[in-house]
Amino acid sequence: MNQITQKFFVSSADWEIVVDHTNHKKAVLSAMIMAFKKFGKNLLVSTVIMVRDEESMLLDDVTKAEFFATHKIFKSLGLKKLSQNFKEYTKLKDES
């Protein structure tokens, strides 16, 4: 089955990375790997990562964006300890 590649804009905190992929979830995983490589220890992330396709970017339509919990993306990338720590930190911030 041929899947159509699209341009996605992935952003969190103070960065945005553009990737070509077949869906939002794969785009966010690829972008996070690229962000780790680009920013290293200086990478900033918020509690969610926003992914928008090219159409929603051109129309400036955030309602079509998809959002992913950062701790779940870390877990999907095999960063289980970081995922758990981030999840616990987020929970503590929500309670305060």
N, C-alpha and C. Protein backbone atom coordinates (compact mmCIF):
# COMPACT_ATOMS: atom_id res chain seq x y z
N MET A 1 0.82 -1.17 0.00
CA MET A 1 0.00 0.00 0.00
C MET A 1 0.87 1.25 0.00
N ASN A 2 0.69 2.11 -0.97
CA ASN A 2 1.44 3.36 -1.04
C ASN A 2 0.83 4.40 -0.12
N GLN A 3 1.66 4.97 0.70
CA GLN A 3 1.20 6.04 1.57
C GLN A 3 1.77 7.35 1.04
N ILE A 4 0.96 8.37 1.05
CA ILE A 4 1.37 9.66 0.52
C ILE A 4 2.15 10.42 1.59
N THR A 5 3.30 10.93 1.20
CA THR A 5 4.13 11.72 2.09
C THR A 5 3.64 13.16 2.08
N GLN A 6 3.56 13.73 3.28
CA GLN A 6 3.15 15.12 3.44
C GLN A 6 4.20 15.88 4.24
N LYS A 7 4.14 17.20 4.15
CA LYS A 7 5.01 18.05 4.95
C LYS A 7 4.30 18.36 6.26
N PHE A 8 4.99 18.12 7.38
CA PHE A 8 4.44 18.39 8.71
C PHE A 8 5.35 19.37 9.45
N PHE A 9 4.73 20.23 10.24
CA PHE A 9 5.43 21.20 11.07
C PHE A 9 5.25 20.77 12.52
N VAL A 10 6.34 20.41 13.16
CA VAL A 10 6.30 19.87 14.52
C VAL A 10 6.95 20.90 15.45
N SER A 11 6.24 21.26 16.53
CA SER A 11 6.80 22.28 17.42
C SER A 11 6.50 21.98 18.88
N SER A 12 7.41 22.48 19.72
CA SER A 12 7.27 22.38 21.17
C SER A 12 8.21 23.40 21.78
N ALA A 13 7.78 24.04 22.84
CA ALA A 13 8.61 25.04 23.53
C ALA A 13 9.08 26.10 22.54
N ASP A 14 10.39 26.16 22.27
CA ASP A 14 10.94 27.23 21.44
C ASP A 14 11.46 26.76 20.08
N TRP A 15 11.02 25.61 19.60
CA TRP A 15 11.54 25.11 18.33
C TRP A 15 10.43 24.59 17.43
N GLU A 16 10.76 24.54 16.14
CA GLU A 16 9.87 23.94 15.15
C GLU A 16 10.75 23.24 14.12
N ILE A 17 10.36 22.04 13.76
CA ILE A 17 11.08 21.26 12.76
C ILE A 17 10.08 20.80 11.71
N VAL A 18 10.49 20.93 10.46
CA VAL A 18 9.65 20.50 9.34
C VAL A 18 10.14 19.14 8.87
N VAL A 19 9.20 18.19 8.76
CA VAL A 19 9.55 16.84 8.29
C VAL A 19 8.54 16.39 7.24
N ASP A 20 9.00 15.52 6.38
CA ASP A 20 8.11 14.87 5.41
C ASP A 20 7.83 13.47 5.93
N HIS A 21 6.54 13.15 6.07
CA HIS A 21 6.17 11.82 6.56
C HIS A 21 4.77 11.46 6.11
N THR A 22 4.32 10.27 6.49
CA THR A 22 3.03 9.77 6.03
C THR A 22 1.88 10.05 6.99
N ASN A 23 2.20 10.36 8.25
CA ASN A 23 1.14 10.71 9.20
C ASN A 23 1.70 11.53 10.36
N HIS A 24 0.80 12.10 11.14
CA HIS A 24 1.18 12.98 12.24
C HIS A 24 2.07 12.29 13.27
N LYS A 25 1.71 11.07 13.65
CA LYS A 25 2.47 10.36 14.70
C LYS A 25 3.90 10.06 14.26
N LYS A 26 4.06 9.58 13.04
CA LYS A 26 5.41 9.30 12.54
C LYS A 26 6.20 10.59 12.39
N ALA A 27 5.51 11.66 12.03
CA ALA A 27 6.18 12.95 11.89
C ALA A 27 6.73 13.43 13.23
N VAL A 28 5.94 13.30 14.29
CA VAL A 28 6.39 13.76 15.60
C VAL A 28 7.56 12.91 16.11
N LEU A 29 7.55 11.62 15.85
CA LEU A 29 8.66 10.77 16.27
C LEU A 29 9.95 11.16 15.55
N SER A 30 9.85 11.35 14.24
CA SER A 30 11.03 11.77 13.46
C SER A 30 11.54 13.13 13.90
N ALA A 31 10.63 14.05 14.11
CA ALA A 31 11.02 15.39 14.52
C ALA A 31 11.71 15.40 15.88
N MET A 32 11.23 14.56 16.80
CA MET A 32 11.87 14.52 18.12
C MET A 32 13.30 13.99 18.01
N ILE A 33 13.51 13.00 17.17
CA ILE A 33 14.88 12.49 16.97
C ILE A 33 15.75 13.60 16.41
N MET A 34 15.22 14.33 15.43
CA MET A 34 15.97 15.44 14.83
C MET A 34 16.23 16.54 15.86
N ALA A 35 15.26 16.81 16.72
CA ALA A 35 15.42 17.84 17.75
C ALA A 35 16.51 17.46 18.75
N PHE A 36 16.52 16.18 19.16
CA PHE A 36 17.57 15.71 20.07
C PHE A 36 18.94 15.89 19.43
N LYS A 37 19.05 15.56 18.15
CA LYS A 37 20.34 15.70 17.46
C LYS A 37 20.73 17.16 17.30
N LYS A 38 19.77 18.01 16.99
CA LYS A 38 20.06 19.43 16.75
C LYS A 38 20.38 20.20 18.03
N PHE A 39 19.59 19.99 19.08
CA PHE A 39 19.73 20.80 20.28
C PHE A 39 20.46 20.11 21.43
N GLY A 40 20.54 18.78 21.40
CA GLY A 40 21.23 18.06 22.46
C GLY A 40 20.68 18.39 23.84
N LYS A 41 21.57 18.68 24.77
CA LYS A 41 21.16 18.97 26.15
C LYS A 41 20.41 20.30 26.27
N ASN A 42 20.44 21.11 25.24
CA ASN A 42 19.74 22.40 25.26
C ASN A 42 18.31 22.30 24.74
N LEU A 43 17.86 21.09 24.43
CA LEU A 43 16.50 20.90 23.92
C LEU A 43 15.47 21.27 24.99
N LEU A 44 14.55 22.13 24.62
CA LEU A 44 13.44 22.49 25.49
C LEU A 44 12.17 21.84 24.95
N VAL A 45 11.36 21.31 25.86
CA VAL A 45 10.08 20.72 25.46
C VAL A 45 9.00 21.17 26.43
N SER A 46 7.80 21.27 25.90
CA SER A 46 6.65 21.55 26.75
C SER A 46 5.94 20.22 27.02
N THR A 47 4.82 20.26 27.70
CA THR A 47 4.11 19.03 28.04
C THR A 47 3.46 18.37 26.83
N VAL A 48 3.27 19.14 25.76
CA VAL A 48 2.71 18.60 24.53
C VAL A 48 3.55 19.03 23.34
N ILE A 49 3.41 18.26 22.28
CA ILE A 49 4.07 18.57 21.01
C ILE A 49 2.97 18.74 19.97
N MET A 50 3.03 19.85 19.25
CA MET A 50 2.00 20.14 18.25
C MET A 50 2.50 19.76 16.86
N VAL A 51 1.61 19.12 16.09
CA VAL A 51 1.93 18.73 14.72
C VAL A 51 0.85 19.28 13.80
N ARG A 52 1.29 20.01 12.79
CA ARG A 52 0.35 20.57 11.81
C ARG A 52 0.80 20.20 10.42
N ASP A 53 -0.17 19.89 9.55
CA ASP A 53 0.18 19.62 8.16
C ASP A 53 0.32 20.95 7.42
N GLU A 54 0.80 20.88 6.21
CA GLU A 54 1.08 22.09 5.45
C GLU A 54 -0.16 22.95 5.22
N GLU A 55 -1.29 22.31 4.95
CA GLU A 55 -2.52 23.05 4.72
C GLU A 55 -2.92 23.88 5.94
N SER A 56 -2.87 23.27 7.12
CA SER A 56 -3.26 24.01 8.32
C SER A 56 -2.27 25.13 8.63
N MET A 57 -1.01 24.95 8.24
CA MET A 57 -0.03 26.02 8.43
C MET A 57 -0.35 27.19 7.50
N LEU A 58 -0.62 26.88 6.24
CA LEU A 58 -0.91 27.93 5.26
C LEU A 58 -2.18 28.69 5.62
N LEU A 59 -3.17 27.98 6.16
CA LEU A 59 -4.43 28.61 6.55
C LEU A 59 -4.37 29.19 7.96
N ASP A 60 -3.25 28.96 8.64
CA ASP A 60 -3.08 29.37 10.03
C ASP A 60 -4.23 28.86 10.89
N ASP A 61 -4.54 27.58 10.71
CA ASP A 61 -5.68 26.94 11.37
C ASP A 61 -5.20 25.92 12.41
N VAL A 62 -5.12 26.35 13.64
CA VAL A 62 -4.64 25.49 14.73
C VAL A 62 -5.66 24.41 15.08
N THR A 63 -6.91 24.59 14.68
CA THR A 63 -7.94 23.60 15.02
C THR A 63 -7.68 22.26 14.34
N LYS A 64 -6.87 22.24 13.29
CA LYS A 64 -6.56 20.99 12.61
C LYS A 64 -5.24 20.38 13.08
N ALA A 65 -4.64 21.00 14.07
CA ALA A 65 -3.40 20.47 14.61
C ALA A 65 -3.68 19.24 15.46
N GLU A 66 -2.68 18.38 15.56
CA GLU A 66 -2.75 17.24 16.47
C GLU A 66 -1.72 17.46 17.56
N PHE A 67 -2.09 17.08 18.77
CA PHE A 67 -1.21 17.26 19.92
C PHE A 67 -0.88 15.91 20.54
N PHE A 68 0.37 15.77 20.94
CA PHE A 68 0.85 14.53 21.52
C PHE A 68 1.49 14.83 22.87
N ALA A 69 1.18 14.02 23.87
CA ALA A 69 1.81 14.17 25.18
C ALA A 69 3.30 13.84 25.03
N THR A 70 4.12 14.75 25.48
CA THR A 70 5.57 14.58 25.32
C THR A 70 6.06 13.30 25.98
N HIS A 71 5.55 12.98 27.17
CA HIS A 71 6.03 11.76 27.85
C HIS A 71 5.70 10.51 27.04
N LYS A 72 4.59 10.51 26.31
CA LYS A 72 4.24 9.34 25.49
C LYS A 72 5.17 9.22 24.26
N ILE A 73 5.58 10.36 23.73
CA ILE A 73 6.52 10.34 22.61
C ILE A 73 7.87 9.83 23.08
N PHE A 74 8.32 10.30 24.25
CA PHE A 74 9.57 9.78 24.81
C PHE A 74 9.50 8.26 24.97
N LYS A 75 8.38 7.78 25.48
CA LYS A 75 8.21 6.34 25.68
C LYS A 75 8.25 5.59 24.35
N SER A 76 7.60 6.13 23.35
CA SER A 76 7.60 5.50 22.02
C SER A 76 9.00 5.44 21.42
N LEU A 77 9.85 6.38 21.80
CA LEU A 77 11.23 6.41 21.31
C LEU A 77 12.15 5.52 22.14
N GLY A 78 11.59 4.85 23.15
CA GLY A 78 12.39 3.96 23.99
C GLY A 78 13.06 4.66 25.16
N LEU A 79 12.69 5.91 25.40
CA LEU A 79 13.27 6.69 26.49
C LEU A 79 12.36 6.57 27.72
N LYS A 80 12.27 5.37 28.25
CA LYS A 80 11.30 5.07 29.30
C LYS A 80 11.56 5.83 30.59
N LYS A 81 12.81 5.95 31.00
CA LYS A 81 13.14 6.66 32.24
C LYS A 81 12.81 8.15 32.09
N LEU A 82 13.21 8.74 30.98
CA LEU A 82 12.91 10.14 30.72
C LEU A 82 11.41 10.35 30.64
N SER A 83 10.71 9.42 30.01
CA SER A 83 9.26 9.50 29.89
C SER A 83 8.60 9.51 31.27
N GLN A 84 9.01 8.60 32.13
CA GLN A 84 8.43 8.50 33.47
C GLN A 84 8.73 9.75 34.29
N ASN A 85 9.98 10.22 34.22
CA ASN A 85 10.35 11.43 34.96
C ASN A 85 9.55 12.64 34.49
N PHE A 86 9.39 12.76 33.18
CA PHE A 86 8.65 13.89 32.61
C PHE A 86 7.18 13.81 33.00
N LYS A 87 6.63 12.61 32.98
CA LYS A 87 5.23 12.41 33.36
C LYS A 87 5.02 12.80 34.84
N GLU A 88 5.92 12.37 35.70
CA GLU A 88 5.82 12.69 37.13
C GLU A 88 5.97 14.19 37.35
N TYR A 89 6.92 14.82 36.67
CA TYR A 89 7.11 16.26 36.78
C TYR A 89 5.86 17.01 36.35
N THR A 90 5.27 16.59 35.23
CA THR A 90 4.05 17.22 34.72
C THR A 90 2.93 17.09 35.73
N LYS A 91 2.79 15.91 36.32
CA LYS A 91 1.75 15.68 37.32
C LYS A 91 1.94 16.59 38.53
N LEU A 92 3.18 16.73 38.98
CA LEU A 92 3.45 17.60 40.12
C LEU A 92 3.13 19.05 39.80
N LYS A 93 3.46 19.50 38.60
CA LYS A 93 3.18 20.88 38.19
C LYS A 93 1.67 21.11 38.11
N ASP A 94 0.93 20.10 37.66
CA ASP A 94 -0.53 20.22 37.56
C ASP A 94 -1.18 20.34 38.94
N GLU A 95 -0.58 19.69 39.93
CA GLU A 95 -1.14 19.68 41.28
C GLU A 95 -0.83 20.96 42.05
N SER A 96 0.20 21.68 41.63
CA SER A 96 0.57 22.89 42.38
C SER A 96 -0.19 24.12 41.93
